[in-house]
C-alpha atoms as a PDB file:
ATOM      1  CA  MET A   1     -40.561 -16.780 -41.796  1.00  0.00           C
ATOM      2  CA  ALA A   2     -37.806 -14.160 -41.944  1.00  0.00           C
ATOM      3  CA  VAL A   3     -38.692 -10.588 -42.815  1.00  0.00           C
ATOM      4  CA  GLY A   4     -38.512 -10.161 -46.597  1.00  0.00           C
ATOM      5  CA  GLN A   5     -38.389 -13.898 -47.293  1.00  0.00           C
ATOM      6  CA  ARG A   6     -40.087 -14.908 -50.541  1.00  0.00           C
ATOM      7  CA  VAL A   7     -41.228 -18.517 -50.645  1.00  0.00           C
ATOM      8  CA  GLY A   8     -40.281 -20.572 -53.704  1.00  0.00           C
ATOM      9  CA  ILE A   9     -37.996 -17.957 -55.260  1.00  0.00           C
ATOM     10  CA  ALA A  10     -34.600 -19.227 -56.551  1.00  0.00           C
ATOM     11  CA  MET A  11     -31.626 -17.457 -54.987  1.00  0.00           C
ATOM     12  CA  ILE A  12     -27.821 -17.436 -54.830  1.00  0.00           C
ATOM     13  CA  LEU A  13     -25.822 -16.938 -51.643  1.00  0.00           C
ATOM     14  CA  SER A  14     -22.508 -15.124 -52.234  1.00  0.00           C
ATOM     15  CA  ILE A  15     -19.419 -14.814 -50.045  1.00  0.00           C
ATOM     16  CA  GLU A  16     -16.649 -12.193 -50.162  1.00  0.00           C
ATOM     17  CA  SER A  17     -13.409 -12.533 -48.155  1.00  0.00           C
ATOM     18  CA  SER A  18     -10.653 -11.419 -50.540  1.00  0.00           C
ATOM     19  CA  CYS A  19      -9.087  -8.963 -48.085  1.00  0.00           C
ATOM     20  CA  ASP A  20     -10.389  -7.407 -44.859  1.00  0.00           C
ATOM     21  CA  ASP A  21     -14.168  -7.284 -45.331  1.00  0.00           C
ATOM     22  CA  SER A  22     -16.311 -10.271 -44.353  1.00  0.00           C
ATOM     23  CA  SER A  23     -19.506 -10.166 -46.393  1.00  0.00           C
ATOM     24  CA  ILE A  24     -22.391 -12.412 -47.398  1.00  0.00           C
ATOM     25  CA  ALA A  25     -25.332 -11.601 -49.672  1.00  0.00           C
ATOM     26  CA  ILE A  26     -28.369 -13.354 -51.100  1.00  0.00           C
ATOM     27  CA  THR A  27     -29.553 -12.401 -54.585  1.00  0.00           C
ATOM     28  CA  GLU A  28     -32.759 -13.422 -56.333  1.00  0.00           C
ATOM     29  CA  ILE A  29     -31.810 -15.006 -59.647  1.00  0.00           C
ATOM     30  CA  ALA A  30     -34.754 -14.003 -61.840  1.00  0.00           C
ATOM     31  CA  THR A  31     -34.990 -10.343 -60.810  1.00  0.00           C
ATOM     32  CA  LYS A  32     -31.422  -9.719 -59.549  1.00  0.00           C
ATOM     33  CA  LYS A  33     -33.014  -8.267 -56.420  1.00  0.00           C
ATOM     34  CA  LEU A  34     -30.748  -8.092 -53.388  1.00  0.00           C
ATOM     35  CA  ILE A  35     -32.594 -10.032 -50.693  1.00  0.00           C
ATOM     36  CA  TYR A  36     -29.976  -9.881 -47.940  1.00  0.00           C
ATOM     37  CA  HIS A  37     -26.604  -8.204 -47.545  1.00  0.00           C
ATOM     38  CA  LYS A  38     -24.288  -7.780 -44.594  1.00  0.00           C
ATOM     39  CA  LYS A  39     -20.661  -6.774 -44.250  1.00  0.00           C
ATOM     40  CA  ILE A  40     -18.408  -6.750 -41.191  1.00  0.00           C
ATOM     41  CA  SER A  41     -15.378  -4.498 -41.579  1.00  0.00           C
ATOM     42  CA  GLN A  42     -12.029  -5.217 -39.945  1.00  0.00           C
ATOM     43  CA  GLU A  43     -10.784  -1.632 -40.237  1.00  0.00           C
ATOM     44  CA  LEU A  44     -10.557  -1.037 -36.478  1.00  0.00           C
ATOM     45  CA  GLU A  45      -8.471  -4.160 -35.880  1.00  0.00           C
ATOM     46  CA  HIS A  46      -6.011  -3.377 -38.701  1.00  0.00           C
ATOM     47  CA  SER A  47      -5.763   0.383 -38.117  1.00  0.00           C
ATOM     48  CA  LYS A  48      -3.262  -0.026 -35.280  1.00  0.00           C
ATOM     49  CA  TYR A  49      -0.861  -1.650 -37.769  1.00  0.00           C
ATOM     50  CA  GLY A  50      -1.384   0.934 -40.522  1.00  0.00           C
ATOM     51  CA  GLY A  51      -2.553  -1.692 -43.015  1.00  0.00           C
ATOM     52  CA  VAL A  52      -3.987  -5.155 -43.455  1.00  0.00           C
ATOM     53  CA  VAL A  53      -2.257  -8.008 -41.608  1.00  0.00           C
ATOM     54  CA  PRO A  54      -3.184 -11.121 -43.645  1.00  0.00           C
ATOM     55  CA  GLU A  55      -3.061 -13.675 -40.816  1.00  0.00           C
ATOM     56  CA  LEU A  56      -5.175 -11.440 -38.568  1.00  0.00           C
ATOM     57  CA  ALA A  57      -7.649 -10.894 -41.403  1.00  0.00           C
ATOM     58  CA  SER A  58      -7.965 -14.647 -41.880  1.00  0.00           C
ATOM     59  CA  ARG A  59      -8.738 -15.223 -38.187  1.00  0.00           C
ATOM     60  CA  LEU A  60     -11.324 -12.453 -38.180  1.00  0.00           C
ATOM     61  CA  HIS A  61     -13.025 -13.915 -41.260  1.00  0.00           C
ATOM     62  CA  ALA A  62     -13.220 -17.277 -39.468  1.00  0.00           C
ATOM     63  CA  GLN A  63     -15.196 -15.541 -36.724  1.00  0.00           C
ATOM     64  CA  ALA A  64     -17.322 -13.128 -38.752  1.00  0.00           C
ATOM     65  CA  LEU A  65     -18.444 -15.253 -41.706  1.00  0.00           C
ATOM     66  CA  PRO A  66     -20.202 -17.961 -39.638  1.00  0.00           C
ATOM     67  CA  ALA A  67     -21.919 -15.252 -37.594  1.00  0.00           C
ATOM     68  CA  ILE A  68     -23.295 -13.641 -40.747  1.00  0.00           C
ATOM     69  CA  LEU A  69     -24.201 -16.988 -42.284  1.00  0.00           C
ATOM     70  CA  SER A  70     -26.370 -17.881 -39.282  1.00  0.00           C
ATOM     71  CA  GLU A  71     -28.705 -15.028 -40.278  1.00  0.00           C
ATOM     72  CA  CYS A  72     -29.144 -16.561 -43.739  1.00  0.00           C
ATOM     73  CA  GLU A  73     -30.526 -19.955 -42.678  1.00  0.00           C
ATOM     74  CA  PRO A  74     -34.184 -19.050 -43.430  1.00  0.00           C
ATOM     75  CA  TRP A  75     -33.259 -18.862 -47.139  1.00  0.00           C
ATOM     76  CA  PHE A  76     -31.222 -22.082 -47.356  1.00  0.00           C
ATOM     77  CA  SER A  77     -34.058 -24.075 -48.933  1.00  0.00           C
ATOM     78  CA  GLN A  78     -34.286 -21.562 -51.786  1.00  0.00           C
ATOM     79  CA  LEU A  79     -30.613 -21.524 -52.678  1.00  0.00           C
ATOM     80  CA  LYS A  80     -29.704 -22.867 -56.128  1.00  0.00           C
ATOM     81  CA  ALA A  81     -25.976 -22.127 -55.835  1.00  0.00           C
ATOM     82  CA  VAL A  82     -23.329 -20.634 -53.580  1.00  0.00           C
ATOM     83  CA  ALA A  83     -20.938 -18.085 -55.097  1.00  0.00           C
ATOM     84  CA  VAL A  84     -17.572 -17.119 -53.664  1.00  0.00           C
ATOM     85  CA  THR A  85     -14.665 -14.852 -54.526  1.00  0.00           C
ATOM     86  CA  ASN A  86     -11.749 -17.125 -55.389  1.00  0.00           C
ATOM     87  CA  ALA A  87      -9.431 -14.643 -57.169  1.00  0.00           C
ATOM     88  CA  PRO A  88      -7.565 -12.357 -56.849  1.00  0.00           C
ATOM     89  CA  GLY A  89      -6.820 -11.459 -53.235  1.00  0.00           C
ATOM     90  CA  LEU A  90      -4.942 -12.611 -50.149  1.00  0.00           C
ATOM     91  CA  ALA A  91      -4.556 -16.383 -50.199  1.00  0.00           C
ATOM     92  CA  VAL A  92      -5.198 -16.806 -46.468  1.00  0.00           C
ATOM     93  CA  THR A  93      -8.417 -14.788 -46.599  1.00  0.00           C
ATOM     94  CA  LEU A  94      -9.741 -16.138 -49.906  1.00  0.00           C
ATOM     95  CA  ILE A  95      -9.507 -19.654 -48.480  1.00  0.00           C
ATOM     96  CA  GLU A  96     -11.861 -18.769 -45.609  1.00  0.00           C
ATOM     97  CA  GLY A  97     -14.647 -17.946 -48.045  1.00  0.00           C
ATOM     98  CA  VAL A  98     -13.908 -20.929 -50.272  1.00  0.00           C
ATOM     99  CA  ILE A  99     -13.994 -23.335 -47.306  1.00  0.00           C
ATOM    100  CA  MET A 100     -17.414 -22.003 -46.329  1.00  0.00           C
ATOM    101  CA  ALA A 101     -18.661 -22.281 -49.919  1.00  0.00           C
ATOM    102  CA  LYS A 102     -17.492 -25.889 -50.104  1.00  0.00           C
ATOM    103  CA  ALA A 103     -19.259 -26.735 -46.848  1.00  0.00           C
ATOM    104  CA  LEU A 104     -22.507 -25.179 -48.066  1.00  0.00           C
ATOM    105  CA  SER A 105     -22.208 -26.916 -51.430  1.00  0.00           C
ATOM    106  CA  ILE A 106     -21.918 -30.308 -49.734  1.00  0.00           C
ATOM    107  CA  ALA A 107     -24.543 -29.690 -47.053  1.00  0.00           C
ATOM    108  CA  LEU A 108     -27.180 -28.249 -49.400  1.00  0.00           C
ATOM    109  CA  SER A 109     -26.268 -30.217 -52.538  1.00  0.00           C
ATOM    110  CA  ILE A 110     -25.866 -27.077 -54.628  1.00  0.00           C
ATOM    111  CA  PRO A 111     -23.111 -26.073 -57.083  1.00  0.00           C
ATOM    112  CA  ILE A 112     -20.405 -23.480 -56.486  1.00  0.00           C
ATOM    113  CA  ILE A 113     -19.852 -20.428 -58.662  1.00  0.00           C
ATOM    114  CA  PRO A 114     -16.264 -19.089 -58.442  1.00  0.00           C
ATOM    115  CA  VAL A 115     -16.188 -15.330 -59.038  1.00  0.00           C
ATOM    116  CA  ASN A 116     -13.322 -13.072 -60.046  1.00  0.00           C
ATOM    117  CA  HIS A 117     -13.177 -10.197 -57.565  1.00  0.00           C
ATOM    118  CA  LEU A 118     -12.362  -7.639 -60.275  1.00  0.00           C
ATOM    119  CA  LYS A 119     -15.433  -8.626 -62.279  1.00  0.00           C
ATOM    120  CA  GLY A 120     -17.344  -8.198 -59.044  1.00  0.00           C
ATOM    121  CA  HIS A 121     -16.260  -4.564 -58.860  1.00  0.00           C
ATOM    122  CA  ILE A 122     -17.377  -3.998 -62.449  1.00  0.00           C
ATOM    123  CA  TYR A 123     -20.778  -5.523 -61.706  1.00  0.00           C
ATOM    124  CA  SER A 124     -21.133  -3.382 -58.570  1.00  0.00           C
ATOM    125  CA  LEU A 125     -22.499  -0.871 -61.091  1.00  0.00           C
ATOM    126  CA  PHE A 126     -25.432  -3.157 -61.824  1.00  0.00           C
ATOM    127  CA  ILE A 127     -26.624  -4.446 -58.453  1.00  0.00           C
ATOM    128  CA  GLU A 128     -30.403  -4.894 -58.748  1.00  0.00           C
ATOM    129  CA  ARG A 129     -30.362  -3.791 -62.396  1.00  0.00           C
ATOM    130  CA  GLU A 130     -29.418  -4.990 -65.869  1.00  0.00           C
ATOM    131  CA  ALA A 131     -25.817  -4.698 -67.032  1.00  0.00           C
ATOM    132  CA  ARG A 132     -25.048  -2.085 -69.684  1.00  0.00           C
ATOM    133  CA  PHE A 133     -22.069  -2.693 -71.926  1.00  0.00           C
ATOM    134  CA  PRO A 134     -19.840  -1.818 -73.719  1.00  0.00           C
ATOM    135  CA  ALA A 135     -18.100   0.517 -71.269  1.00  0.00           C
ATOM    136  CA  THR A 136     -14.643   1.826 -70.478  1.00  0.00           C
ATOM    137  CA  VAL A 137     -14.038   1.132 -66.799  1.00  0.00           C
ATOM    138  CA  LEU A 138     -11.535   2.706 -64.424  1.00  0.00           C
ATOM    139  CA  LEU A 139     -10.892   0.350 -61.511  1.00  0.00           C
ATOM    140  CA  VAL A 140      -9.235   2.084 -58.559  1.00  0.00           C
ATOM    141  CA  SER A 141      -8.734   0.279 -55.275  1.00  0.00           C
ATOM    142  CA  GLY A 142      -6.135  -0.606 -52.675  1.00  0.00           C
ATOM    143  CA  GLY A 143      -4.705  -3.267 -54.950  1.00  0.00           C
ATOM    144  CA  HIS A 144      -5.542  -2.161 -58.479  1.00  0.00           C
ATOM    145  CA  THR A 145      -5.423   0.805 -60.813  1.00  0.00           C
ATOM    146  CA  GLN A 146      -6.371  -0.141 -64.346  1.00  0.00           C
ATOM    147  CA  VAL A 147      -8.453   0.877 -67.328  1.00  0.00           C
ATOM    148  CA  ILE A 148     -10.546  -1.953 -68.738  1.00  0.00           C
ATOM    149  CA  GLU A 149     -12.493  -2.081 -71.986  1.00  0.00           C
ATOM    150  CA  VAL A 150     -15.548  -4.200 -71.179  1.00  0.00           C
ATOM    151  CA  GLU A 151     -17.673  -5.662 -73.935  1.00  0.00           C
ATOM    152  CA  SER A 152     -19.377  -8.382 -71.900  1.00  0.00           C
ATOM    153  CA  LEU A 153     -18.884 -10.705 -68.933  1.00  0.00           C
ATOM    154  CA  ASP A 154     -16.432 -12.757 -70.995  1.00  0.00           C
ATOM    155  CA  THR A 155     -14.756 -10.005 -72.989  1.00  0.00           C
ATOM    156  CA  MET A 156     -12.728  -7.642 -70.827  1.00  0.00           C
ATOM    157  CA  ARG A 157      -9.399  -6.194 -71.938  1.00  0.00           C
ATOM    158  CA  THR A 158      -7.040  -4.281 -69.653  1.00  0.00           C
ATOM    159  CA  VAL A 159      -5.546  -1.395 -71.644  1.00  0.00           C
ATOM    160  CA  ALA A 160      -3.674   0.407 -68.866  1.00  0.00           C
ATOM    161  CA  THR A 161      -2.450  -0.538 -65.414  1.00  0.00           C
ATOM    162  CA  THR A 162      -0.119   0.647 -62.663  1.00  0.00           C
ATOM    163  CA  MET A 163       3.604   0.071 -62.849  1.00  0.00           C
ATOM    164  CA  ASP A 164       3.944  -0.036 -59.050  1.00  0.00           C
ATOM    165  CA  ASP A 165       1.555   1.218 -56.341  1.00  0.00           C
ATOM    166  CA  SER A 166      -2.154   1.568 -56.930  1.00  0.00           C
ATOM    167  CA  TYR A 167      -4.152   4.787 -56.505  1.00  0.00           C
ATOM    168  CA  GLY A 168      -5.852   3.520 -53.343  1.00  0.00           C
ATOM    169  CA  GLU A 169      -2.654   2.039 -51.947  1.00  0.00           C
ATOM    170  CA  SER A 170      -0.882   5.380 -52.281  1.00  0.00           C
ATOM    171  CA  PHE A 171      -3.579   7.021 -50.137  1.00  0.00           C
ATOM    172  CA  ASP A 172      -3.115   4.329 -47.493  1.00  0.00           C
ATOM    173  CA  LYS A 173       0.653   4.788 -47.462  1.00  0.00           C
ATOM    174  CA  VAL A 174       0.476   8.580 -47.263  1.00  0.00           C
ATOM    175  CA  ALA A 175      -1.973   8.284 -44.368  1.00  0.00           C
ATOM    176  CA  LYS A 176       0.451   5.926 -42.641  1.00  0.00           C
ATOM    177  CA  MET A 177       3.298   8.444 -43.097  1.00  0.00           C
ATOM    178  CA  MET A 178       1.183  10.993 -41.240  1.00  0.00           C
ATOM    179  CA  GLY A 179       0.121   8.535 -38.561  1.00  0.00           C
ATOM    180  CA  LEU A 180      -3.541   8.919 -39.489  1.00  0.00           C
ATOM    181  CA  GLY A 181      -4.552   5.252 -39.412  1.00  0.00           C
ATOM    182  CA  TYR A 182      -6.173   2.830 -41.838  1.00  0.00           C
ATOM    183  CA  PRO A 183      -7.863   2.841 -44.313  1.00  0.00           C
ATOM    184  CA  GLY A 184      -6.134   5.945 -45.567  1.00  0.00           C
ATOM    185  CA  GLY A 185      -8.414   6.969 -48.437  1.00  0.00           C
ATOM    186  CA  PRO A 186     -11.260   8.546 -46.436  1.00  0.00           C
ATOM    187  CA  LEU A 187      -8.807  10.029 -43.920  1.00  0.00           C
ATOM    188  CA  ILE A 188      -6.702  11.773 -46.571  1.00  0.00           C
ATOM    189  CA  GLU A 189      -9.808  12.955 -48.432  1.00  0.00           C
ATOM    190  CA  ARG A 190     -11.244  14.441 -45.228  1.00  0.00           C
ATOM    191  CA  LEU A 191      -7.956  16.110 -44.280  1.00  0.00           C
ATOM    192  CA  ALA A 192      -7.503  17.488 -47.809  1.00  0.00           C
ATOM    193  CA  ARG A 193     -10.725  19.491 -47.515  1.00  0.00           C
ATOM    194  CA  GLU A 194      -9.004  21.642 -44.900  1.00  0.00           C
ATOM    195  CA  GLY A 195      -5.818  22.182 -46.896  1.00  0.00           C
ATOM    196  CA  ASP A 196      -4.339  24.364 -49.618  1.00  0.00           C
ATOM    197  CA  ALA A 197      -3.336  22.134 -52.542  1.00  0.00           C
ATOM    198  CA  LYS A 198      -1.172  24.886 -54.040  1.00  0.00           C
ATOM    199  CA  ARG A 199       1.185  25.123 -51.071  1.00  0.00           C
ATOM    200  CA  PHE A 200       3.132  21.989 -52.034  1.00  0.00           C
ATOM    201  CA  ALA A 201       4.134  21.528 -55.683  1.00  0.00           C
ATOM    202  CA  PHE A 202       4.343  17.785 -56.245  1.00  0.00           C
ATOM    203  CA  THR A 203       5.251  16.575 -59.734  1.00  0.00           C
ATOM    204  CA  VAL A 204       2.552  14.652 -61.593  1.00  0.00           C
ATOM    205  CA  PRO A 205       3.914  11.150 -62.358  1.00  0.00           C
ATOM    206  CA  LEU A 206       4.791  10.288 -65.972  1.00  0.00           C
ATOM    207  CA  TRP A 207       3.701  13.761 -67.078  1.00  0.00           C
ATOM    208  CA  GLN A 208       5.991  13.782 -70.120  1.00  0.00           C
ATOM    209  CA  SER A 209       5.722  10.067 -70.882  1.00  0.00           C
ATOM    210  CA  PRO A 210       3.620   8.903 -73.850  1.00  0.00           C
ATOM    211  CA  LEU A 211       2.807   5.692 -71.958  1.00  0.00           C
ATOM    212  CA  ILE A 212      -0.795   5.093 -70.995  1.00  0.00           C
ATOM    213  CA  ALA A 213       0.126   3.712 -67.589  1.00  0.00           C
ATOM    214  CA  PHE A 214       0.106   4.728 -63.942  1.00  0.00           C
ATOM    215  CA  SER A 215       2.811   5.061 -61.283  1.00  0.00           C
ATOM    216  CA  TYR A 216       2.581   6.290 -57.703  1.00  0.00           C
ATOM    217  CA  SER A 217       5.923   5.306 -56.154  1.00  0.00           C
ATOM    218  CA  GLY A 218       7.624   8.579 -57.128  1.00  0.00           C
ATOM    219  CA  LEU A 219       4.769  10.725 -55.850  1.00  0.00           C
ATOM    220  CA  LYS A 220       4.725   8.725 -52.632  1.00  0.00           C
ATOM    221  CA  ASN A 221       8.437   9.521 -52.152  1.00  0.00           C
ATOM    222  CA  GLN A 222       7.822  13.226 -52.764  1.00  0.00           C
ATOM    223  CA  VAL A 223       5.155  13.196 -50.075  1.00  0.00           C
ATOM    224  CA  ARG A 224       7.418  11.303 -47.662  1.00  0.00           C
ATOM    225  CA  LEU A 225      10.101  13.981 -47.964  1.00  0.00           C
ATOM    226  CA  ALA A 226       7.507  16.717 -47.431  1.00  0.00           C
ATOM    227  CA  VAL A 227       6.101  14.996 -44.347  1.00  0.00           C
ATOM    228  CA  GLU A 228       9.565  14.503 -42.844  1.00  0.00           C
ATOM    229  CA  ALA A 229      10.316  18.216 -43.251  1.00  0.00           C
ATOM    230  CA  ALA A 230       6.896  19.410 -42.021  1.00  0.00           C
ATOM    231  CA  SER A 231       4.916  19.545 -38.802  1.00  0.00           C
ATOM    232  CA  GLU A 232       1.373  18.301 -38.216  1.00  0.00           C
ATOM    233  CA  VAL A 233      -0.030  21.751 -38.921  1.00  0.00           C
ATOM    234  CA  ASP A 234       1.143  21.284 -42.527  1.00  0.00           C
ATOM    235  CA  TYR A 235      -0.578  17.915 -43.008  1.00  0.00           C
ATOM    236  CA  PRO A 236      -3.850  19.276 -44.461  1.00  0.00           C
ATOM    237  CA  ASP A 237      -1.916  21.137 -47.170  1.00  0.00           C
ATOM    238  CA  ILE A 238       0.210  18.064 -47.929  1.00  0.00           C
ATOM    239  CA  ALA A 239      -2.908  15.894 -48.095  1.00  0.00           C
ATOM    240  CA  ALA A 240      -4.630  18.346 -50.445  1.00  0.00           C
ATOM    241  CA  ALA A 241      -1.579  18.601 -52.708  1.00  0.00           C
ATOM    242  CA  PHE A 242      -1.151  14.833 -52.765  1.00  0.00           C
ATOM    243  CA  GLN A 243      -4.811  14.131 -53.591  1.00  0.00           C
ATOM    244  CA  THR A 244      -4.801  16.771 -56.321  1.00  0.00           C
ATOM    245  CA  THR A 245      -1.598  15.413 -57.886  1.00  0.00           C
ATOM    246  CA  ALA A 246      -2.581  11.744 -57.605  1.00  0.00           C
ATOM    247  CA  THR A 247      -5.897  12.470 -59.278  1.00  0.00           C
ATOM    248  CA  ALA A 248      -4.351  14.735 -61.923  1.00  0.00           C
ATOM    249  CA  HIS A 249      -2.180  11.773 -62.920  1.00  0.00           C
ATOM    250  CA  LEU A 250      -5.258   9.623 -63.539  1.00  0.00           C
ATOM    251  CA  ILE A 251      -7.035  12.371 -65.424  1.00  0.00           C
ATOM    252  CA  GLN A 252      -4.014  13.171 -67.615  1.00  0.00           C
ATOM    253  CA  LYS A 253      -3.564   9.546 -68.690  1.00  0.00           C
ATOM    254  CA  LEU A 254      -7.274   9.084 -69.307  1.00  0.00           C
ATOM    255  CA  LYS A 255      -7.290  12.245 -71.436  1.00  0.00           C
ATOM    256  CA  LYS A 256      -4.471  10.795 -73.549  1.00  0.00           C
ATOM    257  CA  TYR A 257      -6.323   7.514 -73.951  1.00  0.00           C
ATOM    258  CA  PHE A 258      -9.600   9.226 -74.832  1.00  0.00           C
ATOM    259  CA  LYS A 259      -7.973  11.045 -77.772  1.00  0.00           C
ATOM    260  CA  ALA A 260      -7.817   7.755 -79.654  1.00  0.00           C
ATOM    261  CA  HIS A 261     -10.626   5.941 -77.841  1.00  0.00           C
ATOM    262  CA  PRO A 262     -13.384   8.398 -76.841  1.00  0.00           C
ATOM    263  CA  PRO A 263     -15.847   6.428 -74.681  1.00  0.00           C
ATOM    264  CA  LYS A 264     -19.606   6.554 -75.109  1.00  0.00           C
ATOM    265  CA  ARG A 265     -19.996   5.052 -71.648  1.00  0.00           C
ATOM    266  CA  PHE A 266     -17.458   5.355 -68.816  1.00  0.00           C
ATOM    267  CA  ALA A 267     -17.518   3.880 -65.325  1.00  0.00           C
ATOM    268  CA  ILE A 268     -15.409   4.090 -62.198  1.00  0.00           C
ATOM    269  CA  VAL A 269     -15.410   1.231 -59.687  1.00  0.00           C
ATOM    270  CA  GLY A 270     -13.439  -0.016 -56.685  1.00  0.00           C
ATOM    271  CA  GLY A 271     -13.010   1.234 -53.143  1.00  0.00           C
ATOM    272  CA  ALA A 272     -11.214   4.430 -54.171  1.00  0.00           C
ATOM    273  CA  SER A 273     -14.058   5.318 -56.562  1.00  0.00           C
ATOM    274  CA  ALA A 274     -15.875   6.671 -53.500  1.00  0.00           C
ATOM    275  CA  ASN A 275     -13.461   9.624 -53.463  1.00  0.00           C
ATOM    276  CA  ARG A 276     -15.645  12.642 -54.202  1.00  0.00           C
ATOM    277  CA  TYR A 277     -12.816  14.772 -55.572  1.00  0.00           C
ATOM    278  CA  LEU A 278     -11.974  12.057 -58.112  1.00  0.00           C
ATOM    279  CA  ARG A 279     -15.625  11.800 -59.135  1.00  0.00           C
ATOM    280  CA  GLU A 280     -15.816  15.567 -59.634  1.00  0.00           C
ATOM    281  CA  GLN A 281     -12.681  15.620 -61.785  1.00  0.00           C
ATOM    282  CA  LEU A 282     -13.955  12.765 -63.940  1.00  0.00           C
ATOM    283  CA  GLU A 283     -17.249  14.568 -64.516  1.00  0.00           C
ATOM    284  CA  ILE A 284     -15.278  17.595 -65.734  1.00  0.00           C
ATOM    285  CA  LEU A 285     -13.135  15.395 -68.002  1.00  0.00           C
ATOM    286  CA  LEU A 286     -16.105  13.606 -69.549  1.00  0.00           C
ATOM    287  CA  ALA A 287     -18.401  16.600 -70.052  1.00  0.00           C
ATOM    288  CA  PRO A 288     -16.972  17.693 -73.464  1.00  0.00           C
ATOM    289  CA  HIS A 289     -17.312  14.133 -74.796  1.00  0.00           C
ATOM    290  CA  GLY A 290     -20.976  13.776 -73.896  1.00  0.00           C
ATOM    291  CA  THR A 291     -20.025  10.520 -72.224  1.00  0.00           C
ATOM    292  CA  GLU A 292     -22.445   8.670 -69.986  1.00  0.00           C
ATOM    293  CA  LEU A 293     -20.888   8.227 -66.519  1.00  0.00           C
ATOM    294  CA  LEU A 294     -21.772   5.125 -64.526  1.00  0.00           C
ATOM    295  CA  LEU A 295     -21.159   5.111 -60.768  1.00  0.00           C
ATOM    296  CA  ALA A 296     -21.790   2.444 -58.167  1.00  0.00           C
ATOM    297  CA  ASP A 297     -23.693   3.364 -55.024  1.00  0.00           C
ATOM    298  CA  LEU A 298     -21.192   4.492 -52.394  1.00  0.00           C
ATOM    299  CA  LYS A 299     -22.111   1.553 -50.138  1.00  0.00           C
ATOM    300  CA  PHE A 300     -21.061  -0.877 -52.890  1.00  0.00           C
ATOM    301  CA  CYS A 301     -17.726   0.752 -53.868  1.00  0.00           C
ATOM    302  CA  SER A 302     -15.620  -1.185 -51.373  1.00  0.00           C
ATOM    303  CA  ASP A 303     -15.461  -4.994 -51.262  1.00  0.00           C
ATOM    304  CA  ASN A 304     -18.861  -6.592 -50.738  1.00  0.00           C
ATOM    305  CA  ALA A 305     -20.747  -9.820 -51.408  1.00  0.00           C
ATOM    306  CA  ALA A 306     -23.598  -8.105 -53.260  1.00  0.00           C
ATOM    307  CA  MET A 307     -21.343  -7.451 -56.260  1.00  0.00           C
ATOM    308  CA  ILE A 308     -20.138 -11.065 -56.162  1.00  0.00           C
ATOM    309  CA  GLY A 309     -23.728 -12.253 -56.184  1.00  0.00           C
ATOM    310  CA  ARG A 310     -24.540 -10.007 -59.131  1.00  0.00           C
ATOM    311  CA  VAL A 311     -21.772 -11.611 -61.224  1.00  0.00           C
ATOM    312  CA  ALA A 312     -22.853 -15.049 -60.031  1.00  0.00           C
ATOM    313  CA  VAL A 313     -26.346 -14.560 -61.438  1.00  0.00           C
ATOM    314  CA  GLU A 314     -24.856 -14.091 -64.903  1.00  0.00           C
ATOM    315  CA  HIS A 315     -22.759 -17.255 -64.562  1.00  0.00           C
ATOM    316  CA  PHE A 316     -25.652 -19.300 -63.184  1.00  0.00           C
ATOM    317  CA  LEU A 317     -28.009 -18.355 -66.007  1.00  0.00           C
ATOM    318  CA  ARG A 318     -25.386 -19.601 -68.456  1.00  0.00           C
ATOM    319  CA  GLY A 319     -24.860 -22.862 -66.593  1.00  0.00           C
ATOM    320  CA  GLU A 320     -21.336 -21.893 -65.520  1.00  0.00           C
ATOM    321  CA  TYR A 321     -20.693 -23.488 -62.140  1.00  0.00           C
ATOM    322  CA  THR A 322     -18.677 -26.265 -60.543  1.00  0.00           C
ATOM    323  CA  ASP A 323     -18.590 -28.463 -57.420  1.00  0.00           C
ATOM    324  CA  HIS A 324     -16.623 -28.519 -54.176  1.00  0.00           C
ATOM    325  CA  ARG A 325     -13.892 -30.725 -55.673  1.00  0.00           C
ATOM    326  CA  SER A 326     -12.947 -28.336 -58.469  1.00  0.00           C
ATOM    327  CA  ILE A 327     -12.704 -24.875 -56.919  1.00  0.00           C
ATOM    328  CA  ALA A 328      -9.393 -23.389 -55.752  1.00  0.00           C
ATOM    329  CA  VAL A 329      -8.064 -19.958 -54.842  1.00  0.00           C
ATOM    330  CA  SER A 330      -5.952 -17.948 -57.297  1.00  0.00           C
ATOM    331  CA  PRO A 331      -4.456 -15.015 -55.335  1.00  0.00           C
ATOM    332  CA  ARG A 332      -2.651 -13.394 -58.283  1.00  0.00           C
ATOM    333  CA  CYS A 333      -5.205 -14.083 -60.989  1.00  0.00           C
ATOM    334  CA  ASN A 334      -6.254 -11.116 -63.125  1.00  0.00           C
ATOM    335  CA  LEU A 335      -9.258 -10.663 -65.414  1.00  0.00           C
END
């Protein structure tokens, strides 16, 4: 018997392969307890290219997912369903997870639960605990920057989104400009700690606009011009100024939104939600409102199968699942 195995307990196996993280988890249905979780990152392989190469990511998933799955065999007899991210994401990587889910569904005679990746990020707040809604959620990642009003699993309304680049994507691109590697978020955050944010005066995007929306293309261009005119000794100051300005943009738009819609409960999710400076600025913003701030554990901010499994439990308990003939990938699907 595997360490931690619980005989006779109903479980769900979940698979995440929407981008460059191969991950599988097993969640106990009744208690929502995380029984097993493993993730293999592809960051080292993609760093030499300065970003994710979809075809390379797909090949690496084809190697990593079966290796992780082999560790899960002791729990196969207790599985009641297999869950998998099927939207949104990179088509060539999503399909790797879906193919595995189909194979497991056929081999074990269990249903499949397709899970929206964005809902997974929202439920990363509630791994091994009960969900608490309603909440205003800020989703910031390499592919998304949006504010979502969440009433329940089924009722989620996007009230603000990016017009071009996402918050996390802008960090990656600025890191690439400086030749720092990938992923750029942690690298820029680390470099910014050494810099003087006041040395470079970047303009906050959409500062005068009444729109509740986000845009990072203009700021990215400002940083590009600064990098081209600077030397490496200036990079910490540029990184600090960029991070401060990028975050000020988020805070300014949230402040505008809160004037008409003050939240009782606010959450931040997604890979970029691990940025400590952003978390600090949000705490300052929310303090006068007496708002409850929900944060996911740092280890569950980036893509992972545990959050997919947590959503899957909700679907399973409501009888919402399908079979291997009906599931398909939807790369551009939203909430």
